N, C-alpha and C. Protein backbone atom coordinates (compact mmCIF):
# COMPACT_ATOMS: atom_id res chain seq x y z
N MET A 1 12.56 -24.27 4.36
CA MET A 1 11.36 -24.36 5.79
C MET A 1 11.25 -22.28 5.43
N SER A 2 10.54 -22.93 5.38
CA SER A 2 9.75 -20.47 5.40
C SER A 2 9.76 -20.39 6.36
N ASP A 3 9.77 -19.09 6.71
CA ASP A 3 9.80 -18.17 7.96
C ASP A 3 8.73 -18.90 8.86
N ALA A 4 7.58 -18.37 8.28
CA ALA A 4 6.30 -19.13 8.80
C ALA A 4 6.17 -20.51 9.34
N GLU A 5 6.85 -21.41 8.78
CA GLU A 5 6.74 -22.45 8.87
C GLU A 5 8.18 -22.47 10.02
N ALA A 6 8.87 -21.99 10.48
CA ALA A 6 10.14 -22.12 10.69
C ALA A 6 9.58 -21.19 12.33
N GLU A 7 8.43 -19.99 12.73
CA GLU A 7 8.24 -19.32 13.96
C GLU A 7 6.94 -20.90 14.25
N SER A 8 6.32 -21.82 13.82
CA SER A 8 5.78 -22.50 14.15
C SER A 8 6.40 -23.70 14.89
N LEU A 9 7.73 -23.97 13.94
CA LEU A 9 8.05 -25.13 14.26
C LEU A 9 9.17 -24.40 16.50
N ALA A 10 9.89 -23.21 16.21
CA ALA A 10 10.21 -23.08 17.00
C ALA A 10 8.67 -23.10 18.21
N THR A 11 7.66 -22.29 17.85
CA THR A 11 7.08 -22.16 19.00
C THR A 11 6.80 -23.40 19.81
N ARG A 12 6.90 -24.65 18.79
CA ARG A 12 5.85 -25.89 19.43
C ARG A 12 7.24 -26.67 20.22
N MET A 13 8.74 -26.52 19.90
CA MET A 13 10.03 -26.40 20.56
C MET A 13 9.63 -25.99 21.93
N ARG A 14 9.52 -24.22 21.74
CA ARG A 14 9.61 -23.62 23.32
C ARG A 14 8.70 -24.11 24.40
N ALA A 15 7.17 -24.72 24.23
CA ALA A 15 6.53 -25.71 24.73
C ALA A 15 6.94 -26.94 25.10
N LEU A 16 8.53 -27.00 24.86
CA LEU A 16 9.03 -28.65 24.70
C LEU A 16 9.60 -27.83 25.74
N GLY A 17 10.73 -26.53 25.62
CA GLY A 17 11.92 -26.72 26.85
C GLY A 17 11.23 -26.03 28.22
N HIS A 18 9.98 -26.80 29.26
CA HIS A 18 10.42 -27.07 29.89
C HIS A 18 10.63 -28.19 30.94
N PRO A 19 11.23 -28.14 31.93
CA PRO A 19 10.71 -29.78 32.15
C PRO A 19 8.96 -30.41 33.09
N ALA A 20 8.48 -28.81 33.69
CA ALA A 20 7.12 -29.89 33.73
C ALA A 20 6.15 -29.96 32.54
N ARG A 21 6.68 -29.49 31.61
CA ARG A 21 5.90 -29.25 30.93
C ARG A 21 5.57 -30.55 29.94
N LEU A 22 7.46 -31.13 30.46
CA LEU A 22 7.90 -32.06 29.70
C LEU A 22 6.37 -33.39 30.62
N ALA A 23 6.48 -33.08 31.88
CA ALA A 23 6.56 -34.11 32.75
C ALA A 23 5.23 -33.96 32.67
N ALA A 24 3.58 -33.64 32.07
CA ALA A 24 2.72 -33.56 32.72
C ALA A 24 2.69 -34.08 30.57
N LEU A 25 3.43 -33.46 29.57
CA LEU A 25 2.99 -33.78 28.36
C LEU A 25 3.59 -36.18 28.34
N ARG A 26 4.51 -37.06 29.29
CA ARG A 26 4.55 -37.68 29.36
C ARG A 26 3.13 -38.47 30.40
N MET A 27 2.95 -37.66 30.79
CA MET A 27 2.06 -37.87 32.21
C MET A 27 0.33 -38.40 31.80
N LEU A 28 0.31 -37.17 30.03
CA LEU A 28 -0.71 -37.47 28.94
C LEU A 28 -0.82 -38.82 28.10
N ALA A 29 0.70 -39.07 28.24
CA ALA A 29 1.17 -40.30 27.07
C ALA A 29 0.19 -41.53 27.23
N ARG A 30 0.23 -41.02 29.05
CA ARG A 30 0.21 -42.52 30.05
C ARG A 30 -1.61 -42.92 29.58
N ARG A 31 -2.18 -42.07 29.17
CA ARG A 31 -3.50 -42.12 29.89
C ARG A 31 -4.44 -40.80 28.88
N ASP A 32 -5.46 -41.66 28.15
CA ASP A 32 -6.55 -41.47 27.08
C ASP A 32 -6.82 -39.90 27.10
N CYS A 33 -7.05 -38.81 28.01
CA CYS A 33 -7.47 -37.97 28.44
C CYS A 33 -7.58 -37.84 30.38
N CYS A 34 -7.33 -36.54 30.54
CA CYS A 34 -7.93 -36.89 32.11
C CYS A 34 -7.63 -34.99 32.81
N PRO A 35 -8.59 -34.45 33.29
CA PRO A 35 -8.06 -32.96 34.36
C PRO A 35 -6.82 -32.55 34.62
N CYS A 36 -7.38 -31.30 34.87
CA CYS A 36 -6.25 -30.83 35.07
C CYS A 36 -6.09 -30.59 36.54
N GLY A 37 -6.53 -31.51 37.70
CA GLY A 37 -6.83 -32.19 39.34
C GLY A 37 -5.36 -33.06 39.48
N ASP A 38 -5.92 -34.27 38.12
CA ASP A 38 -4.58 -35.24 38.06
C ASP A 38 -3.51 -34.83 38.11
N ILE A 39 -3.14 -34.69 36.91
CA ILE A 39 -1.70 -34.08 36.95
C ILE A 39 -1.78 -33.31 37.44
N VAL A 40 -1.90 -32.05 38.22
CA VAL A 40 -1.96 -31.60 39.88
C VAL A 40 -1.18 -32.16 40.86
N ARG A 41 -1.73 -33.28 40.68
CA ARG A 41 -1.70 -33.96 41.92
C ARG A 41 -0.35 -34.37 41.55
N GLU A 42 0.87 -35.35 40.81
CA GLU A 42 1.60 -36.01 40.11
C GLU A 42 2.66 -35.42 39.92
N LEU A 43 2.59 -34.03 40.05
CA LEU A 43 3.32 -33.13 39.77
C LEU A 43 3.60 -31.16 40.90
N PRO A 44 4.46 -31.50 41.14
CA PRO A 44 4.77 -30.28 42.17
C PRO A 44 4.78 -29.14 42.72
N LEU A 45 3.57 -28.56 42.01
CA LEU A 45 3.92 -27.08 40.99
C LEU A 45 1.75 -26.66 41.84
N ALA A 46 1.44 -25.86 41.58
CA ALA A 46 0.62 -25.22 42.07
C ALA A 46 0.10 -25.62 41.08
N GLN A 47 -1.62 -25.34 41.10
CA GLN A 47 -2.89 -25.85 40.18
C GLN A 47 -2.40 -24.67 39.11
N SER A 48 -2.44 -23.71 39.68
CA SER A 48 -2.15 -21.92 38.63
C SER A 48 -0.72 -22.02 37.49
N THR A 49 -0.20 -23.10 37.91
CA THR A 49 1.39 -23.27 37.51
C THR A 49 0.89 -24.16 36.65
N VAL A 50 0.74 -25.11 37.38
CA VAL A 50 0.64 -26.54 35.73
C VAL A 50 -1.05 -25.62 34.67
N SER A 51 -1.94 -25.44 35.46
CA SER A 51 -2.37 -25.10 34.20
C SER A 51 -2.17 -23.55 33.89
N GLU A 52 -1.13 -22.81 33.33
CA GLU A 52 -0.29 -22.15 32.94
C GLU A 52 0.44 -23.14 31.52
N HIS A 53 1.45 -23.52 31.98
CA HIS A 53 2.44 -24.93 31.44
C HIS A 53 1.26 -25.88 30.53
N LEU A 54 0.28 -25.61 31.21
CA LEU A 54 -1.07 -26.53 29.93
C LEU A 54 -1.51 -25.12 28.79
N LYS A 55 -1.55 -24.39 29.63
CA LYS A 55 -2.37 -23.60 28.11
C LYS A 55 -0.49 -22.88 27.26
N VAL A 56 0.70 -23.55 27.74
CA VAL A 56 1.36 -23.44 26.61
C VAL A 56 1.28 -24.86 25.87
N LEU A 57 0.79 -25.13 26.56
CA LEU A 57 0.78 -26.84 25.54
C LEU A 57 -0.30 -26.62 24.70
N VAL A 58 -1.64 -26.18 25.05
CA VAL A 58 -2.82 -25.93 23.95
C VAL A 58 -2.49 -24.70 22.96
N ALA A 59 -1.64 -24.09 22.89
CA ALA A 59 -0.90 -23.02 22.59
C ALA A 59 0.21 -23.40 21.71
N ALA A 60 0.40 -24.14 21.81
CA ALA A 60 1.49 -25.05 21.01
C ALA A 60 1.16 -26.41 19.94
N GLY A 61 -0.20 -26.73 19.75
CA GLY A 61 -1.45 -27.68 19.08
C GLY A 61 -0.65 -28.84 20.18
N LEU A 62 -0.10 -28.35 20.84
CA LEU A 62 0.38 -31.00 21.30
C LEU A 62 -0.27 -30.91 22.20
N VAL A 63 -1.48 -30.44 22.67
CA VAL A 63 -2.69 -30.56 23.38
C VAL A 63 -3.82 -30.06 22.83
N SER A 64 -4.42 -30.92 23.23
CA SER A 64 -6.24 -30.23 23.54
C SER A 64 -6.57 -30.23 24.16
N ALA A 65 -7.65 -29.75 24.99
CA ALA A 65 -8.53 -29.21 25.85
C ALA A 65 -10.00 -29.31 26.09
N ARG A 66 -10.93 -30.07 26.46
CA ARG A 66 -12.47 -30.48 26.59
C ARG A 66 -13.18 -29.76 27.73
N PRO A 67 -13.59 -29.04 27.52
CA PRO A 67 -14.50 -28.45 28.74
C PRO A 67 -15.11 -29.43 29.37
N ASP A 68 -15.18 -29.63 30.78
CA ASP A 68 -16.83 -30.69 31.09
C ASP A 68 -17.51 -30.28 32.16
N GLY A 69 -17.62 -29.29 32.38
CA GLY A 69 -18.70 -28.65 33.56
C GLY A 69 -17.56 -27.68 33.81
N GLN A 70 -17.11 -27.48 35.32
CA GLN A 70 -16.06 -26.84 36.01
C GLN A 70 -14.68 -27.65 35.40
N ARG A 71 -14.55 -28.70 35.43
CA ARG A 71 -13.44 -29.49 34.66
C ARG A 71 -12.74 -29.02 32.88
N THR A 72 -11.48 -28.82 32.95
CA THR A 72 -10.82 -29.04 31.98
C THR A 72 -10.47 -30.16 31.77
N HIS A 73 -10.15 -31.27 30.50
CA HIS A 73 -9.46 -33.15 29.94
C HIS A 73 -9.14 -32.32 29.57
N TYR A 74 -7.70 -32.20 30.00
CA TYR A 74 -6.66 -32.34 28.19
C TYR A 74 -6.17 -33.63 28.37
N GLN A 75 -5.71 -33.97 26.43
CA GLN A 75 -5.62 -34.58 26.11
C GLN A 75 -3.81 -33.89 24.92
N ILE A 76 -2.80 -35.11 25.07
CA ILE A 76 -2.73 -34.83 23.15
C ILE A 76 -3.16 -35.21 22.24
N ASP A 77 -2.29 -34.36 20.75
CA ASP A 77 -3.27 -34.01 20.58
C ASP A 77 -2.22 -35.33 19.27
N ALA A 78 -2.15 -36.00 18.84
CA ALA A 78 -1.81 -37.40 18.59
C ALA A 78 -0.91 -37.05 17.09
N ALA A 79 -1.76 -36.07 16.34
CA ALA A 79 -1.12 -36.20 15.49
C ALA A 79 -1.09 -35.37 15.33
N GLU A 80 -1.14 -34.13 15.83
CA GLU A 80 0.18 -32.34 15.79
C GLU A 80 1.23 -33.48 16.22
N VAL A 81 1.54 -34.63 17.33
CA VAL A 81 2.50 -34.38 17.90
C VAL A 81 4.06 -35.91 16.64
N ARG A 82 3.44 -36.93 15.79
CA ARG A 82 3.72 -37.51 15.01
C ARG A 82 4.00 -36.07 13.66
N ARG A 83 3.47 -35.08 13.36
CA ARG A 83 4.25 -33.87 12.60
C ARG A 83 4.79 -33.22 13.39
N LEU A 84 4.98 -32.65 14.91
CA LEU A 84 5.85 -32.28 14.94
C LEU A 84 6.99 -33.52 14.93
N ARG A 85 7.63 -34.46 15.67
CA ARG A 85 8.02 -35.75 14.88
C ARG A 85 8.98 -35.65 13.39
N GLY A 86 7.55 -34.97 12.96
CA GLY A 86 8.49 -35.63 11.43
C GLY A 86 8.93 -34.19 11.25
N GLU A 87 8.72 -33.31 11.66
CA GLU A 87 9.77 -31.74 10.47
C GLU A 87 10.78 -31.83 11.74
N LEU A 88 10.82 -32.35 12.64
CA LEU A 88 12.22 -32.39 13.75
C LEU A 88 13.14 -32.54 12.87
N ASP A 89 12.71 -34.34 12.81
CA ASP A 89 13.07 -35.06 11.45
C ASP A 89 14.03 -34.81 10.76
N ALA A 90 13.49 -33.67 10.02
CA ALA A 90 13.57 -33.69 8.63
C ALA A 90 14.56 -32.09 8.41
N PHE A 91 14.26 -31.44 9.74
CA PHE A 91 14.80 -30.14 9.39
C PHE A 91 16.17 -30.76 10.27
N LEU A 92 16.26 -31.11 11.02
CA LEU A 92 17.79 -32.00 11.81
C LEU A 92 19.22 -32.29 10.92
N GLY A 93 17.83 -33.61 10.07
CA GLY A 93 18.53 -34.37 8.93
C GLY A 93 19.36 -33.90 8.00
N ARG A 94 18.09 -32.64 7.29
CA ARG A 94 19.44 -31.13 6.73
C ARG A 94 20.13 -30.47 7.32
N LEU A 95 20.32 -31.14 8.63
CA LEU A 95 21.85 -30.15 8.87
C LEU A 95 22.75 -31.03 9.66
N LEU A 96 23.15 -32.03 8.43
CA LEU A 96 23.76 -33.15 9.21
C LEU A 96 24.30 -33.39 7.15
N PRO A 97 25.41 -33.13 6.94
CA PRO A 97 25.78 -33.87 5.56
C PRO A 97 25.29 -35.07 5.88
N THR A 98 25.08 -35.96 3.89
CA THR A 98 24.66 -36.64 3.61
C THR A 98 25.71 -38.69 4.07
N PRO A 99 25.30 -39.17 4.74
CA PRO A 99 26.37 -40.51 4.71
C PRO A 99 26.97 -40.98 3.95
N ALA A 100 26.57 -40.10 2.13
CA ALA A 100 27.39 -40.67 1.19
C ALA A 100 28.55 -39.40 0.99
N SER A 101 28.56 -37.85 1.34
CA SER A 101 29.63 -37.31 1.21
C SER A 101 30.29 -37.55 1.68
N GLY A 102 31.01 -37.90 3.30
CA GLY A 102 31.77 -38.34 3.64
C GLY A 102 32.68 -37.25 5.07
N ALA A 103 31.10 -36.43 4.51
CA ALA A 103 31.85 -35.32 5.77
C ALA A 103 31.58 -35.34 7.30
N GLU A 104 32.24 -36.65 8.06
CA GLU A 104 31.37 -36.29 9.12
C GLU A 104 32.31 -35.58 10.45
N HIS A 105 31.19 -35.27 10.97
CA HIS A 105 31.68 -34.35 12.28
C HIS A 105 31.79 -35.00 13.51
N ASP A 106 32.32 -34.20 14.11
CA ASP A 106 32.12 -35.10 15.07
C ASP A 106 31.99 -33.83 16.53
C-alpha cells in the first residue's frame, strides 16, 4: 500500500470514527436520497452539527451531496463504500497470517 493509498484509507476511516456519522450513514442506507432536515429530525443533534458531520462524510467520498434550491440532498456513494470495503478487507487480511501458515494468534 502506497503512502497516498494509506492516507486515503485513513481519511475514510476517520470519517467513520464518530457515532453520529455512523448513524447518518445508517439512515442514508435506508433511503435513496434525503435532505439534511430529515437527518436532523432523526439525530439528537443541532442542524449545524449534523451539517458538519455530513461535510466530513462528503469530503471522505462516502456520501454525495446534491443542491436542490435551498436544500441539499445527501446519499451514500455506493461505489465508494464498496471500494472502501474491499480495501479494508485486503488491508486487514494482510495483517493476519494465512491459515496455511499454522500461526494463529489470540
